[in-house]
Amino acid sequence: MNRNEYRHRARTSRTGILHEWGTESALDVPPEERDRAYELRWQRGGLGFGAAFSDIGVNKEANDTAAEFVRAKICGIVRDRAVAEMLLPKDYPLGTKRLCVDTGYYATFNRENVTLVDVRSTPIEEITPAGVRTSTAEYAVESLVFATGFDAMTGTLCSIDIRGRAGAALKQKWSQGPRSYLGIMVAGFPNLFTITGPGSPSVLSNMIVSIEQHVDWIADCLAFLRQHRLTAIEPTVDAENAWVAHVNEVADSTLYPRANSWYMGANIPGKPRVFMPYVGGLGVYRQKCDEVAANGYEGFTLAAPAPEADRSVDRP
């Protein structure tokens, strides 16, 4: 496969990454064959593990077979059973939070200078001059890295005081969850393009491929507006509502909403629990965006500049 073919396949694939997607149900193959498929993906590494069978992401019983395999792998690597128990994915379907696929991650917890602390059962109470104190102990540290999560997909845009028609604030419009058309534009906010925004494949895809797709689409859109002497583009409320309903419908057909993940905004106190990315696949999404453009930017209102006022005056 040459570079151009690889790039084309990535752009039209489900995630922007060329996984080999299984076509069978995990429940339709003998356990030995299923475990061989999981072992092959595990040894290969990367996020392709979740693509071993067609229903891991949509069927809880099928997902349980993959989760049990992963839990057994973790227990086989981490020597201390109590530590291993804290690392096991148990309270959410496998893959509905990011998989830990980095080389040597689980083996790190076998090191004598590594201590794993479950802050859900023993929460952090104070940062002290010596280190970190939880509800049960104090841990001395030389360096402290704050990695407490982030306000994904909406936080950055809502931190900018973006105003639309009549001074409406984007933060207020999204107060009950983000709303957009195609994850690219927002009704009431003309000429505001949101690259890989909520409602697009975004974080569920190869972000580089998704960013390129959006930038190309937006560049073509601007060229179209310039060619037709148009000065504004804005999605209709009906198009936005239909797209939000579609994004929710597709998400609800999967196991993703069952996890308290940052995909759902669960890491931010008070943030509405809404599954924000589009899970229908990058290739399908690209096709929809292209169809919208080919149909004269269907679902958008296009505006030409207002005619200049007649400035002529009667001269004596």
Foldseek 3Di string as FASTA:
>chain_A
DDPVVLQVCLQQFFFSDDADAAEAQLVPDDLVVSLVLLVVDLVVFDPSSCRSHDPLFQDQVSLVSNLVSVLVVLPVQAPDVVVSVVVRPDQARPPLADDDGDPCPSNVNNDPPDDDDDCVVWNWDDQDPQGTDTNPGGDGDDDDDDDLDDLPQCVVVQVPQDAFPPRHGLCVVCQQHDWAFLLFARARHKPGGHQLHFLAQRPSHDNVSSNVLNVVLVVVVVVVCVVVQWDIKHFDPVNRVVSLVVQQVQVVSTRNLSDCYSCQPNSDPSGHRDRTYRNRGSNVSSVVSVVCVVVVNPRMDIGHDDDDDDPDDDDD
